[in-house]
Amino acid sequence: MKKKKNRILSVSGAALCLFFPVLLAACSQEDALPRPLEVSAEVGNPATRAAADSHAGDYDKSEFVAGDVIRITDGTKTADYQRVVTGTTGTWQPASGQTALTTTGSETFTASYPTAFTQILTDQRTATNFWKSNRLTATGVLDGNKATFSFAPEAAKVTLVVKYGNNDSDKKLPGTASLEGTGIATDVSTSQTINAYSASAAGTSALQHTYVAIVKPGSRTFVIKVKAGDTGETEKSYTEKTAHTLKAGYNYQYNFTSTNELILNGITVERFVETTETDAGNAT
């Protein structure tokens, strides 16, 4: 009776070298499979909303709150993500009717807010119109399938602080203010007028009023017009003689004293998130 011989399969080193790269390639392909994008986004300091106007409390956006929607794109696909807050935990989820984006870890994602933005509006007299004009953008930093977005303003902000005096008899009701200049809303070479938002308490007389407007960055020369809300008040104007270079993400505060004319006391420049209204100075 013949004994059966055990056969041992011998694989040469060269064959192994040819075989394992195929396995490694397969693993690499598995690692590169698209995964749902996880989103983290922030702007800055807390803000609250008021009931009278849905954006009266956060027209000058400093923090995302429940219900906010950002738009994210990788250049090919786009989706809106909504801020969802449960208890003390907040997450970003695809908005209703939206398909979640996916990532292999190699894409470049950009995001913008608000989704209602079309352009800088010339009528910014309401908090909502100011908010619609104040576009924030961000480029995502990817870590695996998580994208972190740190938003910053795309435009510049101009704040007009007008002081009327030091005594109660000098108090005025908030009124209107405007900025006129070339291309200040759309960057075209034509004169445009932006009607500013009154950030002062409506219907309340005060010694100082504040107006704000979003403008296109660039070299700008303004004609600034202000009119208090009291009956019989006349419009006062100030014309700049030299241009200022406005940068995105910065607030340019013009401090005025209003007597029989509009007198400029000075201009202060701060980043958006650092902005605090400063005193316009004493009336003379």
C-alpha atoms as a PDB file:
ATOM      1  CA  MET A   1       0.000   0.000   0.000  1.00  0.00           C
ATOM      2  CA  LYS A   2       1.391   3.329  -1.077  1.00  0.00           C
ATOM      3  CA  LYS A   3       1.623   6.101   1.460  1.00  0.00           C
ATOM      4  CA  LYS A   4       0.080   9.445   0.496  1.00  0.00           C
ATOM      5  CA  LYS A   5       2.541  12.282   0.517  1.00  0.00           C
ATOM      6  CA  ASN A   6       1.578  15.529   2.227  1.00  0.00           C
ATOM      7  CA  ARG A   7       1.963  18.355  -0.228  1.00  0.00           C
ATOM      8  CA  ILE A   8       3.115  21.667   1.145  1.00  0.00           C
ATOM      9  CA  LEU A   9       2.286  24.712  -0.898  1.00  0.00           C
ATOM     10  CA  SER A  10       5.361  26.809  -1.234  1.00  0.00           C
ATOM     11  CA  VAL A  11       4.922  30.473  -2.049  1.00  0.00           C
ATOM     12  CA  SER A  12       7.986  32.369  -3.071  1.00  0.00           C
ATOM     13  CA  GLY A  13       8.880  35.736  -1.540  1.00  0.00           C
ATOM     14  CA  ALA A  14       8.350  37.387  -4.898  1.00  0.00           C
ATOM     15  CA  ALA A  15       4.794  36.055  -5.098  1.00  0.00           C
ATOM     16  CA  LEU A  16       4.020  37.383  -1.612  1.00  0.00           C
ATOM     17  CA  CYS A  17       5.277  40.782  -2.616  1.00  0.00           C
ATOM     18  CA  LEU A  18       2.929  40.723  -5.559  1.00  0.00           C
ATOM     19  CA  PHE A  19      -0.028  39.496  -3.487  1.00  0.00           C
ATOM     20  CA  PHE A  20       0.112  41.761  -0.416  1.00  0.00           C
ATOM     21  CA  PRO A  21      -0.007  45.078  -2.298  1.00  0.00           C
ATOM     22  CA  VAL A  22      -3.375  43.944  -3.633  1.00  0.00           C
ATOM     23  CA  LEU A  23      -4.567  43.391  -0.056  1.00  0.00           C
ATOM     24  CA  LEU A  24      -3.166  46.730   1.055  1.00  0.00           C
ATOM     25  CA  ALA A  25      -4.833  48.483  -1.866  1.00  0.00           C
ATOM     26  CA  ALA A  26      -8.126  46.872  -0.943  1.00  0.00           C
ATOM     27  CA  CYS A  27      -7.738  48.109   2.643  1.00  0.00           C
ATOM     28  CA  SER A  28      -6.942  51.606   1.397  1.00  0.00           C
ATOM     29  CA  GLN A  29     -10.040  51.599  -0.763  1.00  0.00           C
ATOM     30  CA  GLU A  30     -12.114  50.546   2.258  1.00  0.00           C
ATOM     31  CA  ASP A  31     -10.621  53.370   4.345  1.00  0.00           C
ATOM     32  CA  ALA A  32     -11.542  55.880   1.622  1.00  0.00           C
ATOM     33  CA  LEU A  33     -15.207  54.943   1.564  1.00  0.00           C
ATOM     34  CA  PRO A  34     -17.392  58.050   2.027  1.00  0.00           C
ATOM     35  CA  ARG A  35     -18.714  58.608   5.541  1.00  0.00           C
ATOM     36  CA  PRO A  36     -21.444  61.020   6.695  1.00  0.00           C
ATOM     37  CA  LEU A  37     -20.045  64.480   7.400  1.00  0.00           C
ATOM     38  CA  GLU A  38     -20.114  65.551  11.050  1.00  0.00           C
ATOM     39  CA  VAL A  39     -20.344  69.320  11.470  1.00  0.00           C
ATOM     40  CA  SER A  40     -19.131  71.716  14.142  1.00  0.00           C
ATOM     41  CA  ALA A  41     -19.554  75.478  13.651  1.00  0.00           C
ATOM     42  CA  GLU A  42     -19.079  78.626  15.708  1.00  0.00           C
ATOM     43  CA  VAL A  43     -18.923  82.407  15.460  1.00  0.00           C
ATOM     44  CA  GLY A  44     -18.237  83.953  18.857  1.00  0.00           C
ATOM     45  CA  ASN A  45     -20.006  85.471  21.854  1.00  0.00           C
ATOM     46  CA  PRO A  46     -23.601  84.668  22.938  1.00  0.00           C
ATOM     47  CA  ALA A  47     -26.590  86.440  21.418  1.00  0.00           C
ATOM     48  CA  THR A  48     -30.306  86.280  22.118  1.00  0.00           C
ATOM     49  CA  ARG A  49     -33.384  86.831  20.017  1.00  0.00           C
ATOM     50  CA  ALA A  50     -36.222  89.280  20.588  1.00  0.00           C
ATOM     51  CA  ALA A  51     -39.878  88.631  19.851  1.00  0.00           C
ATOM     52  CA  ALA A  52     -40.695  91.812  17.915  1.00  0.00           C
ATOM     53  CA  ASP A  53     -38.227  91.087  15.116  1.00  0.00           C
ATOM     54  CA  SER A  54     -36.807  87.598  14.665  1.00  0.00           C
ATOM     55  CA  HIS A  55     -33.322  89.108  14.343  1.00  0.00           C
ATOM     56  CA  ALA A  56     -33.539  92.158  16.603  1.00  0.00           C
ATOM     57  CA  GLY A  57     -31.274  90.444  19.124  1.00  0.00           C
ATOM     58  CA  ASP A  58     -28.774  88.809  16.767  1.00  0.00           C
ATOM     59  CA  TYR A  59     -28.706  91.003  13.647  1.00  0.00           C
ATOM     60  CA  ASP A  60     -24.990  91.390  14.348  1.00  0.00           C
ATOM     61  CA  LYS A  61     -24.356  87.645  14.547  1.00  0.00           C
ATOM     62  CA  SER A  62     -22.017  86.475  17.293  1.00  0.00           C
ATOM     63  CA  GLU A  63     -23.198  82.941  18.095  1.00  0.00           C
ATOM     64  CA  PHE A  64     -25.272  80.227  16.452  1.00  0.00           C
ATOM     65  CA  VAL A  65     -28.493  79.310  18.230  1.00  0.00           C
ATOM     66  CA  ALA A  66     -31.147  76.616  17.816  1.00  0.00           C
ATOM     67  CA  GLY A  67     -32.835  76.838  14.426  1.00  0.00           C
ATOM     68  CA  ASP A  68     -29.966  78.587  12.633  1.00  0.00           C
ATOM     69  CA  VAL A  69     -29.166  77.140   9.210  1.00  0.00           C
ATOM     70  CA  ILE A  70     -25.784  77.155   7.458  1.00  0.00           C
ATOM     71  CA  ARG A  71     -25.054  76.112   3.870  1.00  0.00           C
ATOM     72  CA  ILE A  72     -22.144  73.726   3.226  1.00  0.00           C
ATOM     73  CA  THR A  73     -20.644  72.726  -0.113  1.00  0.00           C
ATOM     74  CA  ASP A  74     -17.684  70.719  -1.381  1.00  0.00           C
ATOM     75  CA  GLY A  75     -17.896  72.448  -4.758  1.00  0.00           C
ATOM     76  CA  THR A  76     -20.021  69.672  -6.240  1.00  0.00           C
ATOM     77  CA  LYS A  77     -22.682  68.909  -3.662  1.00  0.00           C
ATOM     78  CA  THR A  78     -24.446  71.374  -1.368  1.00  0.00           C
ATOM     79  CA  ALA A  79     -26.606  70.855   1.719  1.00  0.00           C
ATOM     80  CA  ASP A  80     -28.143  73.003   4.450  1.00  0.00           C
ATOM     81  CA  TYR A  81     -27.462  72.034   8.072  1.00  0.00           C
ATOM     82  CA  GLN A  82     -29.605  73.208  10.976  1.00  0.00           C
ATOM     83  CA  ARG A  83     -28.595  73.820  14.573  1.00  0.00           C
ATOM     84  CA  VAL A  84     -30.509  71.417  16.836  1.00  0.00           C
ATOM     85  CA  VAL A  85     -30.341  71.861  20.610  1.00  0.00           C
ATOM     86  CA  THR A  86     -31.537  69.197  23.044  1.00  0.00           C
ATOM     87  CA  GLY A  87     -31.128  70.208  26.666  1.00  0.00           C
ATOM     88  CA  THR A  88     -27.634  71.643  26.832  1.00  0.00           C
ATOM     89  CA  THR A  89     -26.320  69.722  23.825  1.00  0.00           C
ATOM     90  CA  GLY A  90     -26.247  71.241  20.363  1.00  0.00           C
ATOM     91  CA  THR A  91     -25.568  69.475  17.069  1.00  0.00           C
ATOM     92  CA  TRP A  92     -25.781  70.259  13.367  1.00  0.00           C
ATOM     93  CA  GLN A  93     -28.107  68.033  11.360  1.00  0.00           C
ATOM     94  CA  PRO A  94     -29.201  68.113   7.700  1.00  0.00           C
ATOM     95  CA  ALA A  95     -32.161  70.493   7.440  1.00  0.00           C
ATOM     96  CA  SER A  96     -35.568  69.116   6.502  1.00  0.00           C
ATOM     97  CA  GLY A  97     -35.527  67.715   2.967  1.00  0.00           C
ATOM     98  CA  GLN A  98     -31.722  67.834   2.725  1.00  0.00           C
ATOM     99  CA  THR A  99     -29.385  64.905   2.053  1.00  0.00           C
ATOM    100  CA  ALA A 100     -26.383  64.619   4.355  1.00  0.00           C
ATOM    101  CA  LEU A 101     -23.010  65.303   2.758  1.00  0.00           C
ATOM    102  CA  THR A 102     -20.338  62.611   2.857  1.00  0.00           C
ATOM    103  CA  THR A 103     -16.569  62.777   2.963  1.00  0.00           C
ATOM    104  CA  THR A 104     -13.578  60.569   2.252  1.00  0.00           C
ATOM    105  CA  GLY A 105     -11.395  63.023   4.151  1.00  0.00           C
ATOM    106  CA  SER A 106      -9.924  64.622   1.046  1.00  0.00           C
ATOM    107  CA  GLU A 107     -12.592  67.200   0.163  1.00  0.00           C
ATOM    108  CA  THR A 108     -12.511  70.937   0.828  1.00  0.00           C
ATOM    109  CA  PHE A 109     -15.730  72.145   2.424  1.00  0.00           C
ATOM    110  CA  THR A 110     -16.835  75.767   2.621  1.00  0.00           C
ATOM    111  CA  ALA A 111     -19.852  77.145   4.452  1.00  0.00           C
ATOM    112  CA  SER A 112     -21.889  80.350   4.544  1.00  0.00           C
ATOM    113  CA  TYR A 113     -24.549  82.011   6.677  1.00  0.00           C
ATOM    114  CA  PRO A 114     -27.301  83.123   6.366  1.00  0.00           C
ATOM    115  CA  THR A 115     -28.763  81.046   3.549  1.00  0.00           C
ATOM    116  CA  ALA A 116     -31.034  84.039   2.815  1.00  0.00           C
ATOM    117  CA  PHE A 117     -28.036  86.138   1.688  1.00  0.00           C
ATOM    118  CA  THR A 118     -28.150  87.356  -1.917  1.00  0.00           C
ATOM    119  CA  GLN A 119     -26.167  90.591  -1.678  1.00  0.00           C
ATOM    120  CA  ILE A 120     -25.574  93.517   0.667  1.00  0.00           C
ATOM    121  CA  LEU A 121     -28.916  95.305   0.758  1.00  0.00           C
ATOM    122  CA  THR A 122     -29.171  99.083   0.426  1.00  0.00           C
ATOM    123  CA  ASP A 123     -32.166  99.107   2.772  1.00  0.00           C
ATOM    124  CA  GLN A 124     -30.833  97.883   6.112  1.00  0.00           C
ATOM    125  CA  ARG A 125     -33.339  99.798   8.250  1.00  0.00           C
ATOM    126  CA  THR A 126     -34.743  96.588   9.768  1.00  0.00           C
ATOM    127  CA  ALA A 127     -32.800  94.085  11.851  1.00  0.00           C
ATOM    128  CA  THR A 128     -33.712  91.323   9.400  1.00  0.00           C
ATOM    129  CA  ASN A 129     -32.360  93.232   6.385  1.00  0.00           C
ATOM    130  CA  PHE A 130     -29.143  94.020   8.243  1.00  0.00           C
ATOM    131  CA  TRP A 131     -28.876  90.314   9.150  1.00  0.00           C
ATOM    132  CA  LYS A 132     -29.476  89.285   5.518  1.00  0.00           C
ATOM    133  CA  SER A 133     -26.637  91.604   4.443  1.00  0.00           C
ATOM    134  CA  ASN A 134     -24.142  90.338   7.011  1.00  0.00           C
ATOM    135  CA  ARG A 135     -22.738  87.235   5.302  1.00  0.00           C
ATOM    136  CA  LEU A 136     -20.415  84.980   7.293  1.00  0.00           C
ATOM    137  CA  THR A 137     -18.179  82.415   5.587  1.00  0.00           C
ATOM    138  CA  ALA A 138     -15.796  79.656   6.645  1.00  0.00           C
ATOM    139  CA  THR A 139     -13.534  76.948   5.246  1.00  0.00           C
ATOM    140  CA  GLY A 140     -13.854  73.644   7.073  1.00  0.00           C
ATOM    141  CA  VAL A 141     -10.960  71.963   8.865  1.00  0.00           C
ATOM    142  CA  LEU A 142     -11.314  68.207   8.352  1.00  0.00           C
ATOM    143  CA  ASP A 143     -10.386  65.600  10.951  1.00  0.00           C
ATOM    144  CA  GLY A 144     -11.555  62.253   9.612  1.00  0.00           C
ATOM    145  CA  ASN A 145     -15.204  62.812   8.780  1.00  0.00           C
ATOM    146  CA  LYS A 146     -15.613  65.812  11.110  1.00  0.00           C
ATOM    147  CA  ALA A 147     -15.536  69.321   9.641  1.00  0.00           C
ATOM    148  CA  THR A 148     -15.051  72.295  11.957  1.00  0.00           C
ATOM    149  CA  PHE A 149     -16.102  75.713  10.674  1.00  0.00           C
ATOM    150  CA  SER A 150     -15.047  78.995  12.264  1.00  0.00           C
ATOM    151  CA  PHE A 151     -17.141  81.709  10.650  1.00  0.00           C
ATOM    152  CA  ALA A 152     -16.003  85.283   9.993  1.00  0.00           C
ATOM    153  CA  PRO A 153     -17.722  88.285   8.378  1.00  0.00           C
ATOM    154  CA  GLU A 154     -17.219  88.674   4.647  1.00  0.00           C
ATOM    155  CA  ALA A 155     -17.914  92.423   4.707  1.00  0.00           C
ATOM    156  CA  ALA A 156     -17.097  95.437   6.875  1.00  0.00           C
ATOM    157  CA  LYS A 157     -19.373  97.197   9.338  1.00  0.00           C
ATOM    158  CA  VAL A 158     -19.798 100.936   9.821  1.00  0.00           C
ATOM    159  CA  THR A 159     -21.167 102.195  13.135  1.00  0.00           C
ATOM    160  CA  LEU A 160     -22.347 105.781  13.507  1.00  0.00           C
ATOM    161  CA  VAL A 161     -22.502 107.078  17.081  1.00  0.00           C
ATOM    162  CA  VAL A 162     -24.153 110.497  17.347  1.00  0.00           C
ATOM    163  CA  LYS A 163     -24.076 112.471  20.605  1.00  0.00           C
ATOM    164  CA  TYR A 164     -26.464 115.398  21.064  1.00  0.00           C
ATOM    165  CA  GLY A 165     -25.346 116.901  24.350  1.00  0.00           C
ATOM    166  CA  ASN A 166     -24.989 116.381  28.085  1.00  0.00           C
ATOM    167  CA  ASN A 167     -28.301 117.569  29.529  1.00  0.00           C
ATOM    168  CA  ASP A 168     -31.785 116.064  29.491  1.00  0.00           C
ATOM    169  CA  SER A 169     -32.955 118.978  27.356  1.00  0.00           C
ATOM    170  CA  ASP A 170     -30.532 117.790  24.649  1.00  0.00           C
ATOM    171  CA  LYS A 171     -32.136 114.352  24.342  1.00  0.00           C
ATOM    172  CA  LYS A 172     -33.468 113.300  20.941  1.00  0.00           C
ATOM    173  CA  LEU A 173     -35.561 110.469  19.557  1.00  0.00           C
ATOM    174  CA  PRO A 174     -33.675 108.036  17.293  1.00  0.00           C
ATOM    175  CA  GLY A 175     -34.249 108.791  13.639  1.00  0.00           C
ATOM    176  CA  THR A 176     -32.529 107.840  10.397  1.00  0.00           C
ATOM    177  CA  ALA A 177     -28.986 107.600   9.073  1.00  0.00           C
ATOM    178  CA  SER A 178     -27.482 106.772   5.698  1.00  0.00           C
ATOM    179  CA  LEU A 179     -24.152 106.243   3.970  1.00  0.00           C
ATOM    180  CA  GLU A 180     -23.566 107.283   0.374  1.00  0.00           C
ATOM    181  CA  GLY A 181     -20.553 106.158  -1.631  1.00  0.00           C
ATOM    182  CA  THR A 182     -19.314 104.424  -4.759  1.00  0.00           C
ATOM    183  CA  GLY A 183     -19.914 100.673  -4.837  1.00  0.00           C
ATOM    184  CA  ILE A 184     -20.526 100.394  -1.101  1.00  0.00           C
ATOM    185  CA  ALA A 185     -23.192  97.687  -1.545  1.00  0.00           C
ATOM    186  CA  THR A 186     -22.294  95.820  -4.724  1.00  0.00           C
ATOM    187  CA  ASP A 187     -18.768  97.061  -5.530  1.00  0.00           C
ATOM    188  CA  VAL A 188     -19.896  98.505  -8.872  1.00  0.00           C
ATOM    189  CA  SER A 189     -18.605 101.897 -10.008  1.00  0.00           C
ATOM    190  CA  THR A 190     -21.798 103.807  -9.269  1.00  0.00           C
ATOM    191  CA  SER A 191     -22.962 105.865  -6.322  1.00  0.00           C
ATOM    192  CA  GLN A 192     -25.063 103.872  -3.854  1.00  0.00           C
ATOM    193  CA  THR A 193     -26.884 104.796  -0.661  1.00  0.00           C
ATOM    194  CA  ILE A 194     -27.241 102.386   2.259  1.00  0.00           C
ATOM    195  CA  ASN A 195     -29.932 103.212   4.810  1.00  0.00           C
ATOM    196  CA  ALA A 196     -28.574 102.131   8.189  1.00  0.00           C
ATOM    197  CA  TYR A 197     -30.238 100.197  11.005  1.00  0.00           C
ATOM    198  CA  SER A 198     -31.007 102.124  14.186  1.00  0.00           C
ATOM    199  CA  ALA A 199     -29.593 100.115  17.075  1.00  0.00           C
ATOM    200  CA  SER A 200     -30.993 102.568  19.637  1.00  0.00           C
ATOM    201  CA  ALA A 201     -34.208 101.861  21.542  1.00  0.00           C
ATOM    202  CA  ALA A 202     -37.118 102.914  19.342  1.00  0.00           C
ATOM    203  CA  GLY A 203     -39.288 105.695  20.738  1.00  0.00           C
ATOM    204  CA  THR A 204     -36.886 106.494  23.579  1.00  0.00           C
ATOM    205  CA  SER A 205     -35.219 109.895  23.785  1.00  0.00           C
ATOM    206  CA  ALA A 206     -31.508 109.745  24.547  1.00  0.00           C
ATOM    207  CA  LEU A 207     -28.368 111.832  24.447  1.00  0.00           C
ATOM    208  CA  GLN A 208     -26.681 109.380  22.092  1.00  0.00           C
ATOM    209  CA  HIS A 209     -27.901 107.285  19.166  1.00  0.00           C
ATOM    210  CA  THR A 210     -26.246 104.413  17.299  1.00  0.00           C
ATOM    211  CA  TYR A 211     -26.747 103.329  13.684  1.00  0.00           C
ATOM    212  CA  VAL A 212     -25.039 100.402  11.925  1.00  0.00           C
ATOM    213  CA  ALA A 213     -24.596  99.289   8.318  1.00  0.00           C
ATOM    214  CA  ILE A 214     -22.853  96.479   6.441  1.00  0.00           C
ATOM    215  CA  VAL A 215     -20.684  97.690   3.548  1.00  0.00           C
ATOM    216  CA  LYS A 216     -18.387  96.198   0.924  1.00  0.00           C
ATOM    217  CA  PRO A 217     -14.704  96.197   1.905  1.00  0.00           C
ATOM    218  CA  GLY A 218     -12.382  98.405  -0.124  1.00  0.00           C
ATOM    219  CA  SER A 219     -11.355 102.029  -0.476  1.00  0.00           C
ATOM    220  CA  ARG A 220     -14.402 104.067   0.551  1.00  0.00           C
ATOM    221  CA  THR A 221     -15.352 107.727   0.878  1.00  0.00           C
ATOM    222  CA  PHE A 222     -18.719 108.380   2.513  1.00  0.00           C
ATOM    223  CA  VAL A 223     -21.299 111.100   2.635  1.00  0.00           C
ATOM    224  CA  ILE A 224     -22.982 110.440   5.979  1.00  0.00           C
ATOM    225  CA  LYS A 225     -26.437 111.826   6.725  1.00  0.00           C
ATOM    226  CA  VAL A 226     -28.241 111.736  10.072  1.00  0.00           C
ATOM    227  CA  LYS A 227     -31.640 113.018  11.143  1.00  0.00           C
ATOM    228  CA  ALA A 228     -33.062 112.775  14.672  1.00  0.00           C
ATOM    229  CA  GLY A 229     -36.626 111.539  15.068  1.00  0.00           C
ATOM    230  CA  ASP A 230     -38.058 114.617  16.771  1.00  0.00           C
ATOM    231  CA  THR A 231     -40.555 116.811  14.919  1.00  0.00           C
ATOM    232  CA  GLY A 232     -38.898 119.708  13.154  1.00  0.00           C
ATOM    233  CA  GLU A 233     -35.436 118.139  13.051  1.00  0.00           C
ATOM    234  CA  THR A 234     -33.387 118.767   9.923  1.00  0.00           C
ATOM    235  CA  GLU A 235     -31.010 116.328   8.245  1.00  0.00           C
ATOM    236  CA  LYS A 236     -27.335 116.954   8.926  1.00  0.00           C
ATOM    237  CA  SER A 237     -24.532 115.610   6.747  1.00  0.00           C
ATOM    238  CA  TYR A 238     -20.810 114.988   6.855  1.00  0.00           C
ATOM    239  CA  THR A 239     -18.661 114.492   3.732  1.00  0.00           C
ATOM    240  CA  GLU A 240     -15.351 112.667   3.995  1.00  0.00           C
ATOM    241  CA  LYS A 241     -12.433 114.332   2.268  1.00  0.00           C
ATOM    242  CA  THR A 242     -10.131 111.304   2.150  1.00  0.00           C
ATOM    243  CA  ALA A 243     -10.814 107.632   1.474  1.00  0.00           C
ATOM    244  CA  HIS A 244     -10.511 104.878   4.079  1.00  0.00           C
ATOM    245  CA  THR A 245      -9.631 101.276   3.300  1.00  0.00           C
ATOM    246  CA  LEU A 246     -12.269  99.088   4.924  1.00  0.00           C
ATOM    247  CA  LYS A 247     -11.341  95.466   5.664  1.00  0.00           C
ATOM    248  CA  ALA A 248     -13.636  92.469   5.973  1.00  0.00           C
ATOM    249  CA  GLY A 249     -14.413  91.549   9.566  1.00  0.00           C
ATOM    250  CA  TYR A 250     -13.728  95.009  10.973  1.00  0.00           C
ATOM    251  CA  ASN A 251     -16.053  97.586  12.494  1.00  0.00           C
ATOM    252  CA  TYR A 252     -15.401 101.265  11.721  1.00  0.00           C
ATOM    253  CA  GLN A 253     -17.038 103.484  14.327  1.00  0.00           C
ATOM    254  CA  TYR A 254     -17.569 107.136  13.437  1.00  0.00           C
ATOM    255  CA  ASN A 255     -18.058 109.257  16.559  1.00  0.00           C
ATOM    256  CA  PHE A 256     -20.062 112.425  15.928  1.00  0.00           C
ATOM    257  CA  THR A 257     -21.338 115.373  17.896  1.00  0.00           C
ATOM    258  CA  SER A 258     -24.517 116.913  16.506  1.00  0.00           C
ATOM    259  CA  THR A 259     -25.169 120.599  17.146  1.00  0.00           C
ATOM    260  CA  ASN A 260     -26.169 122.819  14.263  1.00  0.00           C
ATOM    261  CA  GLU A 261     -23.961 120.540  12.151  1.00  0.00           C
ATOM    262  CA  LEU A 262     -22.490 117.032  12.239  1.00  0.00           C
ATOM    263  CA  ILE A 263     -18.989 117.158  13.715  1.00  0.00           C
ATOM    264  CA  LEU A 264     -16.659 114.150  13.466  1.00  0.00           C
ATOM    265  CA  ASN A 265     -14.710 113.589  16.683  1.00  0.00           C
ATOM    266  CA  GLY A 266     -12.834 110.527  15.487  1.00  0.00           C
ATOM    267  CA  ILE A 267     -12.954 107.011  14.047  1.00  0.00           C
ATOM    268  CA  THR A 268     -12.189 103.833  15.982  1.00  0.00           C
ATOM    269  CA  VAL A 269     -11.497 100.471  14.351  1.00  0.00           C
ATOM    270  CA  GLU A 270     -12.093  97.074  15.971  1.00  0.00           C
ATOM    271  CA  ARG A 271     -12.775  93.523  14.919  1.00  0.00           C
ATOM    272  CA  PHE A 272     -16.471  92.584  14.791  1.00  0.00           C
ATOM    273  CA  VAL A 273     -16.433  90.325  17.856  1.00  0.00           C
ATOM    274  CA  GLU A 274     -14.482  92.837  19.923  1.00  0.00           C
ATOM    275  CA  THR A 275     -16.787  95.746  19.152  1.00  0.00           C
ATOM    276  CA  THR A 276     -18.100  97.764  22.062  1.00  0.00           C
ATOM    277  CA  GLU A 277     -19.749 101.114  21.537  1.00  0.00           C
ATOM    278  CA  THR A 278     -17.535 103.919  22.796  1.00  0.00           C
ATOM    279  CA  ASP A 279     -18.599 107.358  23.910  1.00  0.00           C
ATOM    280  CA  ALA A 280     -18.827 109.834  21.054  1.00  0.00           C
ATOM    281  CA  GLY A 281     -17.324 112.613  23.129  1.00  0.00           C
ATOM    282  CA  ASN A 282     -18.752 115.794  24.596  1.00  0.00           C
ATOM    283  CA  ALA A 283     -20.844 118.191  22.564  1.00  0.00           C
ATOM    284  CA  THR A 284     -19.205 121.567  22.076  1.00  0.00           C
END
